[in-house]
Every structure is written in structure tokens, then in C-alpha cells.
Amino acid sequence: MLCGLHRTFIGSVERGERNVAVLSLRKIARTLRTTPAELLAESTGNEGTD
């Protein structure tokens, strides 16, 4: 993985099966070229409906 975290860990975080530490969240955000705050923001459900 580009972020240095194992793919099964990433998958379990995506499914909500694991909590993610702040340092891991920073690694994921940096790899996705976003901020940790953006990753944690609640979705409004209106994406792509400009």
C-alpha cells in the first residue's frame, strides 16, 4: 500500500470494524491527498448533485 498500512487493515477501517489511530489517519489522508478532517466529515448524501 502506498500509505504503508496493510490492505486488510484499510479494509477493516472502511467497513467500520476497527478504530483508526490518529497517525494512521494522517497516513491515509496524506496518501489520498486530503485532510484527516475531510476524511472524518459526515456525508450530506448530496455528492454530485450540484
PDB file of N, CA and C in Angstrom:
ATOM      1  N   MET A   1       0.846  -1.183   0.000  1.00  0.00           N
ATOM      2  CA  MET A   1       0.000   0.000   0.000  1.00  0.00           C
ATOM      3  C   MET A   1       0.886   1.240   0.000  1.00  0.00           C
ATOM      4  N   LEU A   2       0.437   2.240  -0.660  1.00  0.00           N
ATOM      5  CA  LEU A   2       1.195   3.484  -0.743  1.00  0.00           C
ATOM      6  C   LEU A   2       1.353   4.161   0.613  1.00  0.00           C
ATOM      7  N   CYS A   3       0.373   3.984   1.484  1.00  0.00           N
ATOM      8  CA  CYS A   3       0.430   4.657   2.785  1.00  0.00           C
ATOM      9  C   CYS A   3       1.223   3.859   3.816  1.00  0.00           C
ATOM     10  N   GLY A   4       1.643   2.652   3.484  1.00  0.00           N
ATOM     11  CA  GLY A   4       2.425   1.850   4.409  1.00  0.00           C
ATOM     12  C   GLY A   4       1.594   1.029   5.381  1.00  0.00           C
ATOM     13  N   LEU A   5       0.289   0.991   5.190  1.00  0.00           N
ATOM     14  CA  LEU A   5      -0.601   0.202   6.040  1.00  0.00           C
ATOM     15  C   LEU A   5      -1.074  -1.025   5.268  1.00  0.00           C
ATOM     16  N   HIS A   6      -1.313  -2.107   5.972  1.00  0.00           N
ATOM     17  CA  HIS A   6      -1.699  -3.345   5.314  1.00  0.00           C
ATOM     18  C   HIS A   6      -3.112  -3.234   4.733  1.00  0.00           C
ATOM     19  N   ARG A   7      -3.321  -3.858   3.600  1.00  0.00           N
ATOM     20  CA  ARG A   7      -4.617  -3.764   2.906  1.00  0.00           C
ATOM     21  C   ARG A   7      -5.770  -4.300   3.732  1.00  0.00           C
ATOM     22  N   THR A   8      -5.534  -5.322   4.552  1.00  0.00           N
ATOM     23  CA  THR A   8      -6.630  -5.843   5.378  1.00  0.00           C
ATOM     24  C   THR A   8      -7.005  -4.852   6.482  1.00  0.00           C
ATOM     25  N   PHE A   9      -6.016  -4.094   6.973  1.00  0.00           N
ATOM     26  CA  PHE A   9      -6.303  -3.060   7.957  1.00  0.00           C
ATOM     27  C   PHE A   9      -7.158  -1.971   7.334  1.00  0.00           C
ATOM     28  N   ILE A  10      -6.772  -1.518   6.151  1.00  0.00           N
ATOM     29  CA  ILE A  10      -7.539  -0.482   5.449  1.00  0.00           C
ATOM     30  C   ILE A  10      -8.972  -0.949   5.214  1.00  0.00           C
ATOM     31  N   GLY A  11      -9.131  -2.175   4.772  1.00  0.00           N
ATOM     32  CA  GLY A  11     -10.467  -2.720   4.528  1.00  0.00           C
ATOM     33  C   GLY A  11     -11.311  -2.765   5.785  1.00  0.00           C
ATOM     34  N   SER A  12     -10.725  -3.166   6.901  1.00  0.00           N
ATOM     35  CA  SER A  12     -11.486  -3.242   8.148  1.00  0.00           C
ATOM     36  C   SER A  12     -11.858  -1.853   8.665  1.00  0.00           C
ATOM     37  N   VAL A  13     -11.013  -0.852   8.402  1.00  0.00           N
ATOM     38  CA  VAL A  13     -11.350   0.525   8.761  1.00  0.00           C
ATOM     39  C   VAL A  13     -12.512   1.009   7.897  1.00  0.00           C
ATOM     40  N   GLU A  14     -12.458   0.723   6.602  1.00  0.00           N
ATOM     41  CA  GLU A  14     -13.531   1.134   5.685  1.00  0.00           C
ATOM     42  C   GLU A  14     -14.873   0.524   6.083  1.00  0.00           C
ATOM     43  N   ARG A  15     -14.843  -0.700   6.561  1.00  0.00           N
ATOM     44  CA  ARG A  15     -16.080  -1.376   6.965  1.00  0.00           C
ATOM     45  C   ARG A  15     -16.530  -1.005   8.370  1.00  0.00           C
ATOM     46  N   GLY A  16     -15.744  -0.207   9.072  1.00  0.00           N
ATOM     47  CA  GLY A  16     -16.105   0.201  10.424  1.00  0.00           C
ATOM     48  C   GLY A  16     -15.844  -0.860  11.473  1.00  0.00           C
ATOM     49  N   GLU A  17     -15.019  -1.828  11.146  1.00  0.00           N
ATOM     50  CA  GLU A  17     -14.714  -2.914  12.074  1.00  0.00           C
ATOM     51  C   GLU A  17     -13.595  -2.555  13.043  1.00  0.00           C
ATOM     52  N   ARG A  18     -12.820  -1.541  12.710  1.00  0.00           N
ATOM     53  CA  ARG A  18     -11.676  -1.137  13.546  1.00  0.00           C
ATOM     54  C   ARG A  18     -11.686   0.364  13.730  1.00  0.00           C
ATOM     55  N   ASN A  19     -11.147   0.772  14.842  1.00  0.00           N
ATOM     56  CA  ASN A  19     -10.888   2.189  15.065  1.00  0.00           C
ATOM     57  C   ASN A  19      -9.508   2.493  14.501  1.00  0.00           C
ATOM     58  N   VAL A  20      -9.343   3.708  14.062  1.00  0.00           N
ATOM     59  CA  VAL A  20      -8.067   4.083  13.452  1.00  0.00           C
ATOM     60  C   VAL A  20      -7.375   5.119  14.338  1.00  0.00           C
ATOM     61  N   ALA A  21      -6.083   4.924  14.549  1.00  0.00           N
ATOM     62  CA  ALA A  21      -5.289   5.866  15.328  1.00  0.00           C
ATOM     63  C   ALA A  21      -5.041   7.127  14.509  1.00  0.00           C
ATOM     64  N   VAL A  22      -4.761   8.211  15.193  1.00  0.00           N
ATOM     65  CA  VAL A  22      -4.535   9.488  14.523  1.00  0.00           C
ATOM     66  C   VAL A  22      -3.379   9.400  13.533  1.00  0.00           C
ATOM     67  N   LEU A  23      -2.307   8.736  13.905  1.00  0.00           N
ATOM     68  CA  LEU A  23      -1.165   8.635  12.990  1.00  0.00           C
ATOM     69  C   LEU A  23      -1.523   7.848  11.731  1.00  0.00           C
ATOM     70  N   SER A  24      -2.307   6.799  11.877  1.00  0.00           N
ATOM     71  CA  SER A  24      -2.752   6.037  10.702  1.00  0.00           C
ATOM     72  C   SER A  24      -3.687   6.870   9.849  1.00  0.00           C
ATOM     73  N   LEU A  25      -4.551   7.633  10.488  1.00  0.00           N
ATOM     74  CA  LEU A  25      -5.458   8.517   9.754  1.00  0.00           C
ATOM     75  C   LEU A  25      -4.667   9.538   8.946  1.00  0.00           C
ATOM     76  N   ARG A  26      -3.605  10.080   9.519  1.00  0.00           N
ATOM     77  CA  ARG A  26      -2.752  11.022   8.794  1.00  0.00           C
ATOM     78  C   ARG A  26      -2.104  10.360   7.589  1.00  0.00           C
ATOM     79  N   LYS A  27      -1.638   9.123   7.737  1.00  0.00           N
ATOM     80  CA  LYS A  27      -1.016   8.413   6.613  1.00  0.00           C
ATOM     81  C   LYS A  27      -2.019   8.206   5.480  1.00  0.00           C
ATOM     82  N   ILE A  28      -3.218   7.790   5.840  1.00  0.00           N
ATOM     83  CA  ILE A  28      -4.261   7.554   4.826  1.00  0.00           C
ATOM     84  C   ILE A  28      -4.616   8.870   4.133  1.00  0.00           C
ATOM     85  N   ALA A  29      -4.823   9.927   4.898  1.00  0.00           N
ATOM     86  CA  ALA A  29      -5.184  11.225   4.325  1.00  0.00           C
ATOM     87  C   ALA A  29      -4.089  11.744   3.402  1.00  0.00           C
ATOM     88  N   ARG A  30      -2.846  11.634   3.832  1.00  0.00           N
ATOM     89  CA  ARG A  30      -1.729  12.108   3.002  1.00  0.00           C
ATOM     90  C   ARG A  30      -1.692  11.348   1.681  1.00  0.00           C
ATOM     91  N   THR A  31      -1.903  10.045   1.738  1.00  0.00           N
ATOM     92  CA  THR A  31      -1.879   9.234   0.520  1.00  0.00           C
ATOM     93  C   THR A  31      -3.019   9.608  -0.415  1.00  0.00           C
ATOM     94  N   LEU A  32      -4.178   9.936   0.143  1.00  0.00           N
ATOM     95  CA  LEU A  32      -5.344  10.321  -0.662  1.00  0.00           C
ATOM     96  C   LEU A  32      -5.348  11.803  -1.025  1.00  0.00           C
ATOM     97  N   ARG A  33      -4.301  12.522  -0.596  1.00  0.00           N
ATOM     98  CA  ARG A  33      -4.164  13.957  -0.857  1.00  0.00           C
ATOM     99  C   ARG A  33      -5.374  14.740  -0.363  1.00  0.00           C
ATOM    100  N   THR A  34      -5.719  14.485   0.898  1.00  0.00           N
ATOM    101  CA  THR A  34      -6.799  15.195   1.560  1.00  0.00           C
ATOM    102  C   THR A  34      -6.386  15.427   3.006  1.00  0.00           C
ATOM    103  N   THR A  35      -7.301  15.897   3.814  1.00  0.00           N
ATOM    104  CA  THR A  35      -7.005  16.139   5.219  1.00  0.00           C
ATOM    105  C   THR A  35      -7.733  15.118   6.083  1.00  0.00           C
ATOM    106  N   PRO A  36      -7.213  14.863   7.280  1.00  0.00           N
ATOM    107  CA  PRO A  36      -7.940  13.981   8.199  1.00  0.00           C
ATOM    108  C   PRO A  36      -9.351  14.499   8.478  1.00  0.00           C
ATOM    109  N   ALA A  37      -9.501  15.804   8.587  1.00  0.00           N
ATOM    110  CA  ALA A  37     -10.829  16.383   8.839  1.00  0.00           C
ATOM    111  C   ALA A  37     -11.800  16.036   7.715  1.00  0.00           C
ATOM    112  N   GLU A  38     -11.336  16.090   6.486  1.00  0.00           N
ATOM    113  CA  GLU A  38     -12.193  15.756   5.340  1.00  0.00           C
ATOM    114  C   GLU A  38     -12.592  14.284   5.377  1.00  0.00           C
ATOM    115  N   LEU A  39     -11.675  13.423   5.783  1.00  0.00           N
ATOM    116  CA  LEU A  39     -12.000  12.001   5.875  1.00  0.00           C
ATOM    117  C   LEU A  39     -13.046  11.726   6.948  1.00  0.00           C
ATOM    118  N   LEU A  40     -13.030  12.534   8.000  1.00  0.00           N
ATOM    119  CA  LEU A  40     -13.948  12.318   9.113  1.00  0.00           C
ATOM    120  C   LEU A  40     -15.263  13.077   8.989  1.00  0.00           C
ATOM    121  N   ALA A  41     -15.366  13.956   8.000  1.00  0.00           N
ATOM    122  CA  ALA A  41     -16.576  14.761   7.832  1.00  0.00           C
ATOM    123  C   ALA A  41     -17.767  13.873   7.492  1.00  0.00           C
ATOM    124  N   GLU A  42     -18.902  14.218   8.065  1.00  0.00           N
ATOM    125  CA  GLU A  42     -20.118  13.469   7.755  1.00  0.00           C
ATOM    126  C   GLU A  42     -20.576  13.777   6.350  1.00  0.00           C
ATOM    127  N   SER A  43     -21.037  12.762   5.686  1.00  0.00           N
ATOM    128  CA  SER A  43     -21.551  12.920   4.331  1.00  0.00           C
ATOM    129  C   SER A  43     -22.966  13.501   4.389  1.00  0.00           C
ATOM    130  N   THR A  44     -23.269  14.427   3.473  1.00  0.00           N
ATOM    131  CA  THR A  44     -24.605  15.006   3.422  1.00  0.00           C
ATOM    132  C   THR A  44     -25.522  14.203   2.516  1.00  0.00           C
ATOM    133  N   GLY A  45     -24.931  13.283   1.755  1.00  0.00           N
ATOM    134  CA  GLY A  45     -25.725  12.484   0.839  1.00  0.00           C
ATOM    135  C   GLY A  45     -26.028  13.205  -0.463  1.00  0.00           C
ATOM    136  N   ASN A  46     -25.464  14.394  -0.664  1.00  0.00           N
ATOM    137  CA  ASN A  46     -25.739  15.189  -1.852  1.00  0.00           C
ATOM    138  C   ASN A  46     -24.565  15.285  -2.795  1.00  0.00           C
ATOM    139  N   GLU A  47     -23.630  14.356  -2.709  1.00  0.00           N
ATOM    140  CA  GLU A  47     -22.466  14.419  -3.569  1.00  0.00           C
ATOM    141  C   GLU A  47     -22.865  14.273  -5.030  1.00  0.00           C
ATOM    142  N   GLY A  48     -22.322  15.150  -5.867  1.00  0.00           N
ATOM    143  CA  GLY A  48     -22.572  15.069  -7.301  1.00  0.00           C
ATOM    144  C   GLY A  48     -23.926  15.573  -7.732  1.00  0.00           C
ATOM    145  N   THR A  49     -24.622  16.326  -6.891  1.00  0.00           N
ATOM    146  CA  THR A  49     -25.946  16.838  -7.262  1.00  0.00           C
ATOM    147  C   THR A  49     -25.928  18.355  -7.225  1.00  0.00           C
ATOM    148  N   ASP A  50     -24.976  18.951  -7.954  1.00  0.00           N
ATOM    149  CA  ASP A  50     -24.858  20.428  -7.947  1.00  0.00           C
ATOM    150  C   ASP A  50     -26.012  21.076  -8.599  1.00  0.00           C
TER     151      ASP A  50
END
